N, C-alpha and C. Protein backbone atom coordinates (compact mmCIF):
# COMPACT_ATOMS: atom_id res chain seq x y z
N UNK A 1 31.83 -0.45 -69.76
CA UNK A 1 30.81 -1.16 -70.34
C UNK A 1 29.96 -0.54 -71.61
N UNK A 2 31.16 -0.24 -72.48
CA UNK A 2 30.65 0.28 -74.07
C UNK A 2 29.65 -0.64 -74.49
N UNK A 3 30.27 -1.52 -75.05
CA UNK A 3 28.96 -2.49 -75.82
C UNK A 3 28.75 -3.49 -75.05
N UNK A 4 28.70 -3.62 -73.89
CA UNK A 4 28.65 -4.61 -72.66
C UNK A 4 26.65 -4.41 -72.60
N UNK A 5 25.99 -5.64 -72.43
CA UNK A 5 24.67 -5.33 -71.92
C UNK A 5 24.49 -5.19 -70.52
N UNK A 6 23.31 -5.15 -69.98
CA UNK A 6 23.05 -4.97 -68.70
C UNK A 6 23.58 -6.55 -68.27
N UNK A 7 22.78 -7.50 -68.80
CA UNK A 7 23.15 -9.02 -68.33
C UNK A 7 24.45 -9.19 -68.37
N UNK A 8 25.21 -8.92 -69.30
CA UNK A 8 26.53 -9.08 -69.38
C UNK A 8 27.34 -8.68 -68.19
N UNK A 9 26.81 -7.44 -67.98
CA UNK A 9 27.85 -6.62 -66.93
C UNK A 9 27.50 -7.44 -65.64
N UNK A 10 26.09 -7.58 -65.38
CA UNK A 10 25.79 -7.89 -63.94
C UNK A 10 26.18 -9.70 -63.97
N UNK A 11 26.58 -10.33 -64.89
CA UNK A 11 27.03 -11.71 -64.81
C UNK A 11 28.48 -11.16 -64.42
N UNK A 12 29.16 -10.28 -65.29
CA UNK A 12 30.91 -10.61 -64.92
C UNK A 12 30.91 -9.72 -63.62
N UNK A 13 30.20 -9.24 -62.79
CA UNK A 13 30.12 -8.64 -61.61
C UNK A 13 29.95 -9.66 -60.62
N UNK A 14 28.71 -10.54 -60.76
CA UNK A 14 28.25 -11.52 -59.74
C UNK A 14 29.46 -12.80 -59.95
N UNK A 15 30.37 -12.80 -61.16
CA UNK A 15 31.34 -13.50 -61.40
C UNK A 15 32.57 -13.16 -60.06
N UNK A 16 32.97 -11.81 -60.33
CA UNK A 16 33.81 -11.15 -59.53
C UNK A 16 33.63 -11.59 -58.25
N UNK A 17 32.47 -11.32 -57.55
CA UNK A 17 31.88 -11.47 -56.17
C UNK A 17 31.89 -12.98 -55.60
N UNK A 18 31.53 -14.00 -56.83
CA UNK A 18 31.69 -15.23 -56.25
C UNK A 18 33.40 -15.71 -56.50
N UNK A 19 34.20 -15.07 -57.01
CA UNK A 19 35.49 -15.52 -57.06
C UNK A 19 36.15 -15.38 -55.80
N UNK A 20 37.16 -16.48 -55.45
CA UNK A 20 38.16 -16.81 -54.42
C UNK A 20 38.62 -15.74 -54.23
N UNK A 21 39.38 -15.05 -55.21
CA UNK A 21 40.35 -13.96 -55.24
C UNK A 21 39.71 -12.76 -54.41
N UNK A 22 40.40 -12.19 -53.69
CA UNK A 22 39.95 -11.04 -53.02
C UNK A 22 40.04 -9.80 -54.12
N UNK A 23 41.06 -9.56 -54.64
CA UNK A 23 41.06 -8.33 -55.52
C UNK A 23 40.23 -8.52 -56.61
N UNK A 24 39.55 -9.76 -57.23
CA UNK A 24 38.44 -9.38 -57.82
C UNK A 24 37.30 -9.16 -57.38
N UNK A 25 37.08 -9.68 -55.95
CA UNK A 25 35.87 -9.02 -55.14
C UNK A 25 35.76 -7.84 -54.92
N UNK A 26 36.90 -7.28 -54.79
CA UNK A 26 36.78 -5.75 -54.57
C UNK A 26 36.51 -5.02 -55.66
N UNK A 27 37.07 -5.54 -56.60
CA UNK A 27 36.88 -4.70 -58.21
C UNK A 27 35.38 -4.59 -58.09
N UNK A 28 34.83 -5.94 -58.23
CA UNK A 28 33.32 -6.15 -58.46
C UNK A 28 32.54 -5.27 -57.59
N UNK A 29 33.07 -5.15 -56.07
CA UNK A 29 32.04 -4.23 -55.23
C UNK A 29 32.18 -3.04 -55.62
N UNK A 30 33.13 -2.39 -56.05
CA UNK A 30 33.77 -1.14 -56.37
C UNK A 30 33.15 -0.72 -57.73
N UNK A 31 32.63 -1.60 -58.51
CA UNK A 31 31.97 -1.31 -59.79
C UNK A 31 30.47 -1.43 -59.52
N UNK A 32 29.87 -1.98 -58.59
CA UNK A 32 28.57 -1.87 -58.13
C UNK A 32 28.45 -0.47 -57.56
N UNK A 33 29.24 0.18 -57.08
CA UNK A 33 28.91 1.68 -56.53
C UNK A 33 28.71 2.53 -58.00
N UNK A 34 29.16 1.76 -58.80
CA UNK A 34 29.15 2.94 -60.15
C UNK A 34 28.00 2.81 -61.42
N UNK A 35 27.24 1.41 -61.33
CA UNK A 35 26.42 1.06 -62.10
C UNK A 35 24.73 1.61 -61.58
N UNK A 36 24.13 1.57 -62.76
CA UNK A 36 22.48 2.24 -62.28
C UNK A 36 21.69 0.54 -61.99
N UNK A 37 22.43 -0.31 -61.88
CA UNK A 37 21.34 -1.47 -61.89
C UNK A 37 22.00 -2.53 -61.09
N UNK A 38 21.26 -3.70 -60.63
CA UNK A 38 21.80 -4.49 -59.83
C UNK A 38 20.54 -5.94 -60.18
N UNK A 39 21.09 -6.84 -59.28
CA UNK A 39 20.14 -8.10 -59.56
C UNK A 39 20.00 -8.96 -58.25
N UNK A 40 18.79 -9.76 -57.93
CA UNK A 40 18.54 -10.39 -56.95
C UNK A 40 19.56 -11.38 -56.32
N UNK A 41 20.68 -11.97 -57.27
CA UNK A 41 21.36 -12.58 -57.42
C UNK A 41 22.78 -12.14 -56.66
N UNK A 42 22.95 -11.20 -57.23
CA UNK A 42 23.95 -10.11 -56.69
C UNK A 42 23.83 -9.74 -55.11
N UNK A 43 22.53 -9.22 -55.12
CA UNK A 43 22.00 -8.99 -53.53
C UNK A 43 22.14 -10.36 -52.74
N UNK A 44 21.89 -11.23 -52.98
CA UNK A 44 21.96 -12.69 -52.32
C UNK A 44 23.67 -13.00 -51.77
N UNK A 45 24.49 -12.92 -53.03
CA UNK A 45 26.10 -13.10 -53.03
C UNK A 45 26.46 -12.11 -51.66
N UNK A 46 25.97 -10.68 -51.92
CA UNK A 46 26.42 -9.52 -50.86
C UNK A 46 26.18 -10.01 -49.69
N UNK A 47 24.77 -10.47 -49.23
CA UNK A 47 24.70 -10.74 -48.06
C UNK A 47 25.46 -11.88 -47.60
N UNK A 48 25.79 -12.72 -48.31
CA UNK A 48 26.61 -14.07 -48.35
C UNK A 48 28.08 -13.38 -47.74
N UNK A 49 28.62 -12.50 -48.61
CA UNK A 49 29.84 -12.07 -48.35
C UNK A 49 29.95 -11.01 -47.06
N UNK A 50 28.87 -10.46 -46.64
CA UNK A 50 28.80 -9.86 -45.34
C UNK A 50 29.03 -10.85 -44.39
N UNK A 51 28.36 -11.92 -44.18
CA UNK A 51 28.37 -12.99 -43.22
C UNK A 51 29.59 -13.57 -43.64
N UNK A 52 29.98 -14.05 -44.51
CA UNK A 52 31.28 -15.13 -44.45
C UNK A 52 32.73 -14.38 -44.75
N UNK A 53 32.49 -13.18 -45.66
CA UNK A 53 33.56 -12.56 -45.75
C UNK A 53 34.39 -11.81 -44.62
N UNK A 54 35.99 -11.45 -44.71
CA UNK A 54 36.25 -10.72 -43.98
C UNK A 54 37.09 -8.97 -44.16
N UNK A 55 37.34 -8.31 -43.42
CA UNK A 55 38.01 -7.23 -43.76
C UNK A 55 37.57 -6.51 -44.77
N UNK A 56 37.81 -6.01 -45.91
CA UNK A 56 37.67 -5.13 -46.88
C UNK A 56 36.38 -5.46 -47.42
N UNK A 57 36.52 -6.82 -48.11
CA UNK A 57 35.12 -7.20 -48.57
C UNK A 57 34.05 -7.32 -48.06
N UNK A 58 34.34 -7.72 -46.76
CA UNK A 58 32.93 -7.59 -45.64
C UNK A 58 32.33 -6.10 -45.90
N UNK A 59 33.30 -5.26 -45.66
CA UNK A 59 32.80 -3.94 -45.04
C UNK A 59 32.33 -3.48 -46.58
N UNK A 60 32.77 -3.61 -47.77
CA UNK A 60 32.28 -3.27 -48.88
C UNK A 60 31.15 -3.75 -49.44
N UNK A 61 30.73 -5.02 -49.10
CA UNK A 61 29.61 -5.79 -49.23
C UNK A 61 28.56 -5.09 -48.49
N UNK A 62 28.92 -4.80 -47.47
CA UNK A 62 27.74 -4.24 -46.07
C UNK A 62 27.28 -3.08 -46.95
N UNK A 63 28.15 -1.76 -47.29
CA UNK A 63 28.19 -0.85 -47.92
C UNK A 63 27.36 -1.02 -49.49
N UNK A 64 27.54 -1.95 -49.89
CA UNK A 64 26.62 -2.23 -51.38
C UNK A 64 25.29 -2.50 -51.14
N UNK A 65 25.14 -3.20 -50.13
CA UNK A 65 23.81 -3.21 -49.35
C UNK A 65 23.03 -2.16 -49.55
N UNK A 66 23.60 -1.06 -49.08
CA UNK A 66 22.92 0.17 -48.91
C UNK A 66 22.96 0.93 -50.26
N UNK A 67 23.40 0.52 -51.31
CA UNK A 67 23.05 1.35 -52.48
C UNK A 67 21.66 1.44 -52.87
N UNK A 68 21.37 2.54 -53.25
CA UNK A 68 19.83 2.50 -53.97
C UNK A 68 19.39 1.67 -55.04
N UNK A 69 20.61 1.11 -55.96
CA UNK A 69 20.43 0.31 -56.74
C UNK A 69 20.00 -1.25 -56.12
N UNK A 70 20.89 -1.44 -54.77
CA UNK A 70 20.59 -2.61 -54.19
C UNK A 70 18.88 -2.83 -53.39
N UNK A 71 18.87 -1.45 -53.03
CA UNK A 71 17.61 -1.23 -52.36
C UNK A 71 16.51 -1.89 -53.44
N UNK A 72 16.68 -1.10 -54.62
CA UNK A 72 15.72 -1.22 -55.80
C UNK A 72 15.45 -2.86 -56.10
N UNK A 73 16.49 -3.50 -56.16
CA UNK A 73 16.59 -4.76 -56.53
C UNK A 73 16.01 -5.76 -55.14
N UNK A 74 16.22 -5.26 -54.22
CA UNK A 74 15.59 -5.95 -52.86
C UNK A 74 14.13 -5.81 -53.05
N UNK A 75 13.48 -4.36 -53.18
CA UNK A 75 12.28 -4.34 -53.26
C UNK A 75 11.40 -5.17 -54.01
N UNK A 76 12.13 -5.50 -55.40
CA UNK A 76 11.45 -6.32 -56.43
C UNK A 76 11.20 -7.59 -56.20
N UNK A 77 12.07 -7.98 -54.79
CA UNK A 77 11.97 -9.51 -54.34
C UNK A 77 11.13 -10.08 -53.27
N UNK A 78 10.36 -8.76 -52.77
CA UNK A 78 9.74 -9.25 -51.65
C UNK A 78 8.18 -9.22 -51.90
N UNK A 79 7.32 -9.43 -51.06
CA UNK A 79 5.74 -9.42 -51.12
C UNK A 79 5.28 -8.73 -49.72
N UNK A 80 6.36 -8.75 -48.70
CA UNK A 80 5.95 -7.96 -47.31
C UNK A 80 5.55 -6.54 -47.62
N UNK A 81 4.51 -6.14 -46.68
CA UNK A 81 4.30 -4.76 -46.57
C UNK A 81 4.99 -3.85 -45.92
N UNK A 82 5.69 -2.67 -45.92
CA UNK A 82 6.11 -1.82 -45.14
C UNK A 82 5.97 -2.30 -43.96
N UNK A 83 4.58 -2.44 -43.71
CA UNK A 83 4.21 -2.26 -42.05
C UNK A 83 4.84 -3.82 -41.54
N UNK A 84 4.69 -5.05 -42.38
CA UNK A 84 5.00 -5.99 -41.89
C UNK A 84 6.46 -6.10 -41.46
N UNK A 85 7.65 -5.56 -42.45
CA UNK A 85 8.81 -5.36 -42.64
C UNK A 85 9.09 -4.62 -41.51
N UNK A 86 8.60 -3.41 -41.17
CA UNK A 86 8.95 -2.66 -39.78
C UNK A 86 8.72 -3.56 -38.50
N UNK A 87 7.69 -4.19 -38.40
CA UNK A 87 7.64 -5.01 -37.56
C UNK A 87 8.86 -6.21 -37.38
N UNK A 88 9.42 -6.66 -38.38
CA UNK A 88 10.45 -7.64 -38.54
C UNK A 88 12.00 -6.82 -37.95
N UNK A 89 11.67 -5.48 -38.59
CA UNK A 89 12.66 -4.99 -37.85
C UNK A 89 12.92 -4.58 -36.64
N UNK A 90 11.93 -4.06 -36.19
CA UNK A 90 11.77 -4.02 -34.74
C UNK A 90 11.78 -5.26 -33.93
N UNK A 91 11.58 -6.38 -34.30
CA UNK A 91 12.21 -7.68 -33.53
C UNK A 91 13.55 -7.81 -33.52
N UNK A 92 14.14 -7.56 -34.88
CA UNK A 92 15.61 -7.72 -35.04
C UNK A 92 16.32 -7.14 -34.20
N UNK A 93 16.07 -5.75 -33.91
CA UNK A 93 16.63 -4.93 -32.55
C UNK A 93 16.27 -5.17 -31.35
N UNK A 94 15.45 -5.80 -30.78
CA UNK A 94 14.67 -6.76 -29.80
C UNK A 94 15.85 -8.05 -29.64
N UNK A 95 16.10 -8.62 -30.85
CA UNK A 95 16.75 -9.99 -30.75
C UNK A 95 18.42 -9.76 -30.51
N UNK A 96 18.62 -8.73 -30.96
CA UNK A 96 20.28 -7.99 -31.04
C UNK A 96 20.25 -7.65 -29.40
N UNK A 97 19.52 -6.95 -28.95
CA UNK A 97 19.49 -6.40 -27.46
C UNK A 97 19.53 -7.77 -26.63
N UNK A 98 18.92 -8.58 -26.96
CA UNK A 98 18.68 -9.86 -26.30
C UNK A 98 20.01 -11.05 -26.28
N UNK A 99 20.68 -10.45 -27.30
CA UNK A 99 21.71 -11.45 -27.54
C UNK A 99 21.61 -12.56 -28.33
N UNK A 100 20.34 -12.58 -29.04
CA UNK A 100 20.03 -13.89 -29.66
C UNK A 100 20.50 -14.12 -31.05
N UNK A 101 21.09 -12.73 -31.70
CA UNK A 101 21.68 -12.75 -32.90
C UNK A 101 23.10 -11.87 -32.81
N UNK A 102 23.79 -12.11 -33.87
CA UNK A 102 25.33 -11.35 -33.64
C UNK A 102 24.87 -9.85 -34.53
N UNK A 103 25.51 -9.14 -34.22
CA UNK A 103 25.08 -7.55 -34.76
C UNK A 103 25.37 -7.44 -36.43
N UNK A 104 26.53 -8.37 -36.74
CA UNK A 104 26.58 -8.45 -38.32
C UNK A 104 25.47 -9.12 -39.06
N UNK A 105 25.02 -10.06 -38.36
CA UNK A 105 23.95 -10.87 -38.94
C UNK A 105 22.56 -9.99 -38.93
N UNK A 106 22.44 -9.00 -37.91
CA UNK A 106 21.20 -8.35 -37.62
C UNK A 106 21.05 -7.23 -38.78
N UNK A 107 22.48 -6.76 -38.99
CA UNK A 107 23.01 -5.69 -39.91
C UNK A 107 22.20 -6.16 -41.40
N UNK A 108 22.57 -7.01 -41.78
CA UNK A 108 22.18 -7.76 -43.18
C UNK A 108 20.75 -8.00 -43.15
N UNK A 109 20.22 -9.00 -42.19
CA UNK A 109 18.73 -8.99 -41.87
C UNK A 109 18.25 -7.21 -42.15
N UNK A 110 18.63 -6.62 -41.51
CA UNK A 110 17.83 -4.88 -41.39
C UNK A 110 17.86 -4.41 -42.95
N UNK A 111 19.07 -4.47 -43.60
CA UNK A 111 19.19 -4.15 -44.85
C UNK A 111 18.63 -4.74 -45.92
N UNK A 112 17.91 -6.29 -45.22
CA UNK A 112 17.35 -6.98 -46.38
C UNK A 112 15.44 -6.15 -46.31
N UNK A 113 15.11 -6.00 -45.18
CA UNK A 113 13.91 -5.42 -45.02
C UNK A 113 13.81 -3.55 -44.86
N UNK A 114 14.61 -3.20 -44.83
CA UNK A 114 14.50 -1.70 -44.48
C UNK A 114 14.44 -0.62 -46.09
N UNK A 115 14.79 -1.35 -47.19
CA UNK A 115 14.90 -0.74 -48.52
C UNK A 115 14.49 0.22 -48.85
N UNK A 116 13.00 0.68 -48.39
CA UNK A 116 12.17 1.84 -48.51
C UNK A 116 11.98 2.63 -47.15
N UNK A 117 12.65 2.19 -46.16
CA UNK A 117 12.46 2.86 -44.73
C UNK A 117 13.72 4.00 -44.43
N UNK A 118 14.97 3.27 -44.71
CA UNK A 118 16.32 4.00 -45.05
C UNK A 118 16.40 4.14 -46.18
N UNK A 119 16.94 5.93 -46.45
CA UNK A 119 17.17 6.27 -47.54
C UNK A 119 18.57 5.20 -47.99
N UNK A 120 18.69 4.80 -49.20
CA UNK A 120 20.15 4.22 -49.77
C UNK A 120 21.21 5.38 -50.43
N UNK A 121 21.89 4.75 -50.39
CA UNK A 121 23.25 5.38 -50.80
C UNK A 121 23.27 5.64 -52.29
N UNK A 122 23.55 6.81 -52.68
CA UNK A 122 23.41 6.94 -54.37
C UNK A 122 24.48 6.41 -54.92
N UNK A 123 24.36 6.02 -56.18
CA UNK A 123 25.64 5.57 -56.80
C UNK A 123 26.68 6.84 -57.25
N UNK A 124 28.07 6.00 -57.33
CA UNK A 124 29.17 7.29 -57.78
C UNK A 124 29.07 7.22 -59.21
N UNK A 125 29.30 8.24 -59.55
CA UNK A 125 29.75 8.82 -60.89
C UNK A 125 30.94 7.79 -61.37
N UNK A 126 31.03 7.19 -62.58
CA UNK A 126 32.30 6.66 -63.07
C UNK A 126 32.85 7.63 -63.18
N UNK A 127 34.30 7.01 -62.77
CA UNK A 127 35.49 7.81 -62.81
C UNK A 127 35.86 7.89 -64.52
N UNK A 128 36.10 8.75 -65.00
CA UNK A 128 36.54 9.05 -66.37
C UNK A 128 37.83 8.13 -66.54
N UNK A 129 38.25 7.74 -67.81
CA UNK A 129 39.58 7.21 -67.86
C UNK A 129 40.58 8.19 -68.67
N UNK A 130 41.93 8.49 -68.06
CA UNK A 130 42.68 9.44 -68.64
C UNK A 130 43.36 8.65 -69.74
N UNK A 131 43.61 9.93 -70.75
CA UNK A 131 44.02 9.51 -71.92
C UNK A 131 45.68 8.91 -71.59
N UNK A 132 46.38 8.14 -72.26
CA UNK A 132 47.96 7.83 -72.13
C UNK A 132 48.82 9.16 -71.69
N UNK A 133 48.81 10.12 -72.79
CA UNK A 133 49.69 11.23 -72.57
C UNK A 133 49.00 12.30 -71.62
N UNK A 134 47.89 12.02 -71.12
CA UNK A 134 47.14 13.06 -70.30
C UNK A 134 48.04 12.95 -68.70
N UNK A 135 48.50 14.27 -68.23
CA UNK A 135 48.79 14.37 -67.01
C UNK A 135 48.40 15.37 -66.21
N UNK A 136 48.02 14.88 -65.09
CA UNK A 136 47.21 15.67 -64.03
C UNK A 136 48.27 16.28 -62.98
N UNK A 137 47.82 17.65 -62.83
CA UNK A 137 48.64 18.20 -62.05
C UNK A 137 48.67 18.27 -60.70
N UNK A 138 49.97 18.08 -60.04
CA UNK A 138 49.88 17.64 -58.74
C UNK A 138 49.77 19.08 -57.44
N UNK A 139 48.93 18.64 -56.69
CA UNK A 139 48.79 19.71 -55.73
C UNK A 139 49.58 19.93 -54.69
N UNK A 140 50.39 21.35 -54.36
CA UNK A 140 51.41 21.33 -53.62
C UNK A 140 50.57 21.40 -52.05
N UNK A 141 51.40 20.34 -51.24
CA UNK A 141 50.74 19.82 -50.08
C UNK A 141 51.83 20.94 -48.95
N UNK A 142 51.42 21.42 -48.25
CA UNK A 142 51.80 22.14 -47.34
C UNK A 142 51.68 21.62 -45.74
N UNK A 143 52.78 21.09 -45.14
CA UNK A 143 52.62 20.44 -44.04
C UNK A 143 52.37 21.32 -42.77
N UNK A 144 51.52 20.71 -42.02
CA UNK A 144 51.19 21.78 -40.93
C UNK A 144 51.46 20.91 -39.71
N UNK A 145 52.29 22.15 -38.48
CA UNK A 145 52.69 21.71 -37.44
C UNK A 145 51.85 20.94 -36.62
N UNK A 146 52.21 19.92 -35.92
CA UNK A 146 51.21 18.93 -35.23
C UNK A 146 51.68 19.47 -33.77
N UNK A 147 50.80 19.62 -33.04
CA UNK A 147 50.36 20.26 -31.62
C UNK A 147 50.19 19.36 -30.61
N UNK A 148 50.92 18.55 -30.00
CA UNK A 148 50.67 17.73 -28.83
C UNK A 148 49.67 18.32 -27.61
N UNK A 149 48.66 17.29 -27.61
CA UNK A 149 47.68 17.92 -26.63
C UNK A 149 48.34 17.76 -25.31
N UNK A 150 47.58 18.36 -24.28
CA UNK A 150 48.25 18.77 -22.97
C UNK A 150 47.68 17.34 -22.26
N UNK A 151 48.19 16.66 -21.39
CA UNK A 151 47.99 15.62 -20.96
C UNK A 151 46.87 15.98 -19.77
N UNK A 152 45.50 15.07 -19.73
CA UNK A 152 44.67 15.30 -19.03
C UNK A 152 44.64 14.83 -17.78
N UNK A 153 44.63 15.68 -16.72
CA UNK A 153 44.58 15.33 -15.34
C UNK A 153 43.11 14.49 -14.94
N UNK A 154 43.74 13.37 -13.85
CA UNK A 154 42.72 12.52 -13.57
C UNK A 154 41.36 13.00 -13.13
N UNK A 155 40.19 12.69 -13.77
CA UNK A 155 39.06 13.02 -13.19
C UNK A 155 38.64 12.74 -11.94
N UNK A 156 38.02 13.81 -11.61
CA UNK A 156 37.79 13.57 -9.73
C UNK A 156 36.39 12.91 -9.62
N UNK A 157 35.44 12.80 -11.10
CA UNK A 157 33.94 12.55 -10.77
C UNK A 157 34.01 10.82 -10.84
N UNK A 158 33.27 10.22 -9.70
CA UNK A 158 33.51 9.04 -9.61
C UNK A 158 32.42 8.44 -10.73
N UNK A 159 32.93 7.27 -11.14
CA UNK A 159 32.16 6.33 -12.29
C UNK A 159 30.78 5.86 -11.96
N UNK A 160 29.73 5.67 -12.60
CA UNK A 160 28.70 5.65 -12.49
C UNK A 160 28.43 4.21 -11.99
N UNK A 161 27.74 3.70 -11.06
CA UNK A 161 27.59 2.41 -10.96
C UNK A 161 26.82 1.72 -12.19
N UNK A 162 27.35 0.39 -12.39
CA UNK A 162 26.84 -0.43 -13.55
C UNK A 162 25.16 -0.59 -13.10
N UNK A 163 24.13 -0.34 -14.45
CA UNK A 163 22.91 -0.42 -14.46
C UNK A 163 22.70 -1.96 -14.04
N UNK A 164 21.50 -2.28 -13.20
CA UNK A 164 21.29 -3.92 -13.21
C UNK A 164 20.88 -4.40 -14.65
N UNK A 165 21.07 -5.72 -14.83
CA UNK A 165 21.17 -6.47 -16.27
C UNK A 165 19.40 -6.10 -16.48
N UNK A 166 19.11 -6.00 -17.70
CA UNK A 166 17.61 -5.89 -18.17
C UNK A 166 17.18 -7.19 -18.18
N UNK A 167 15.89 -7.70 -17.41
CA UNK A 167 15.57 -8.97 -17.45
C UNK A 167 15.04 -9.20 -18.95
N UNK A 168 15.42 -10.96 -18.99
CA UNK A 168 15.27 -11.61 -20.32
C UNK A 168 13.83 -11.81 -20.66
N UNK A 169 13.45 -11.22 -22.16
CA UNK A 169 12.02 -11.58 -22.50
C UNK A 169 12.26 -12.74 -22.70
N UNK A 170 10.90 -13.27 -22.56
CA UNK A 170 10.11 -14.90 -22.72
C UNK A 170 10.36 -15.10 -24.18
N UNK A 171 10.42 -16.16 -24.89
CA UNK A 171 10.72 -16.24 -26.01
C UNK A 171 9.43 -15.99 -26.86
N UNK A 172 9.43 -15.60 -28.25
CA UNK A 172 8.56 -15.29 -28.87
C UNK A 172 7.82 -16.52 -29.57
N UNK A 173 6.36 -16.81 -29.33
CA UNK A 173 5.74 -17.52 -29.77
C UNK A 173 5.12 -17.55 -31.20
N UNK A 174 5.96 -17.82 -32.05
CA UNK A 174 5.76 -17.73 -33.67
C UNK A 174 4.65 -18.20 -34.04
N UNK A 175 4.29 -19.15 -33.77
CA UNK A 175 2.79 -19.87 -34.22
C UNK A 175 1.69 -18.86 -33.79
N UNK A 176 1.85 -18.45 -32.65
CA UNK A 176 0.75 -17.27 -32.15
C UNK A 176 0.71 -16.30 -32.98
N UNK A 177 2.10 -15.71 -33.15
CA UNK A 177 2.09 -14.26 -34.25
C UNK A 177 1.59 -15.00 -35.45
N UNK A 178 1.82 -15.86 -36.13
CA UNK A 178 1.48 -15.78 -37.39
C UNK A 178 -0.04 -16.37 -37.41
N UNK A 179 -0.50 -17.01 -36.54
CA UNK A 179 -2.15 -17.48 -36.59
C UNK A 179 -2.69 -15.79 -36.28
N UNK A 180 -2.04 -14.74 -35.48
CA UNK A 180 -2.75 -13.68 -35.24
C UNK A 180 -2.59 -12.94 -36.82
N UNK A 181 -1.46 -13.10 -37.12
CA UNK A 181 -1.69 -12.24 -38.35
C UNK A 181 -2.33 -12.71 -39.63
N UNK A 182 -2.35 -13.97 -39.54
CA UNK A 182 -3.61 -14.38 -40.80
C UNK A 182 -4.68 -14.23 -40.24
N UNK A 183 -5.06 -14.50 -39.28
CA UNK A 183 -6.66 -14.27 -38.83
C UNK A 183 -6.96 -12.80 -39.19
N UNK A 184 -6.15 -11.93 -39.01
CA UNK A 184 -6.17 -10.18 -39.08
C UNK A 184 -6.17 -10.19 -40.75
N UNK A 185 -5.49 -10.64 -41.12
CA UNK A 185 -5.13 -10.68 -42.61
C UNK A 185 -3.92 -10.09 -43.25
N UNK A 186 -2.99 -9.74 -41.99
CA UNK A 186 -1.80 -9.21 -42.21
C UNK A 186 -0.81 -10.00 -43.68
N UNK A 187 -1.39 -11.49 -43.46
CA UNK A 187 -0.39 -12.18 -44.33
C UNK A 187 -0.97 -12.57 -45.73
N UNK A 188 -2.11 -11.82 -46.42
CA UNK A 188 -2.68 -11.81 -47.38
C UNK A 188 -1.83 -11.15 -48.65
N UNK A 189 -1.65 -11.47 -49.63
CA UNK A 189 -0.83 -10.72 -50.56
C UNK A 189 -1.76 -9.89 -51.58
N UNK A 190 -1.22 -8.58 -51.88
CA UNK A 190 -1.91 -7.92 -52.73
C UNK A 190 -2.29 -8.19 -54.12
């Protein structure tokens, strides 16, 4: 990133994330871990990759949403107070518990709203480029003998009976929630 501007870097990373080539997506995700800035467009695309991607791309995109830089970019795009976001996070937990949304979607939503509630992952220092003639010494690896674990005897403790299923909650009346929030002044912007 020697002479490349911040915007050019963000544009290049976003193009990598939008690529249909998994290798380019992974490279862009790894680079996000080392830069000290992000953007709303990148955050939005990371959320899409978590929901629509698979394998390593999905896993790294989810981790990238936890980066401090991602949390900062997310914080600049919301007008919701911390209290309101905490209410939303509590609702998300209940939705997952009630089976209303999948855990992966819930995790994307959580990371969208918990940017100042949960500490983010610091960025990694950039790996210095080695000179072409530079040789790194190899560490000597000493194999350790493996010990086979003893087989466990069958447990004599009987299994606990399954707990009765939790009763389903009634559906949330969002009109009522929004009306109450509006009348209490919770929806007023600062």
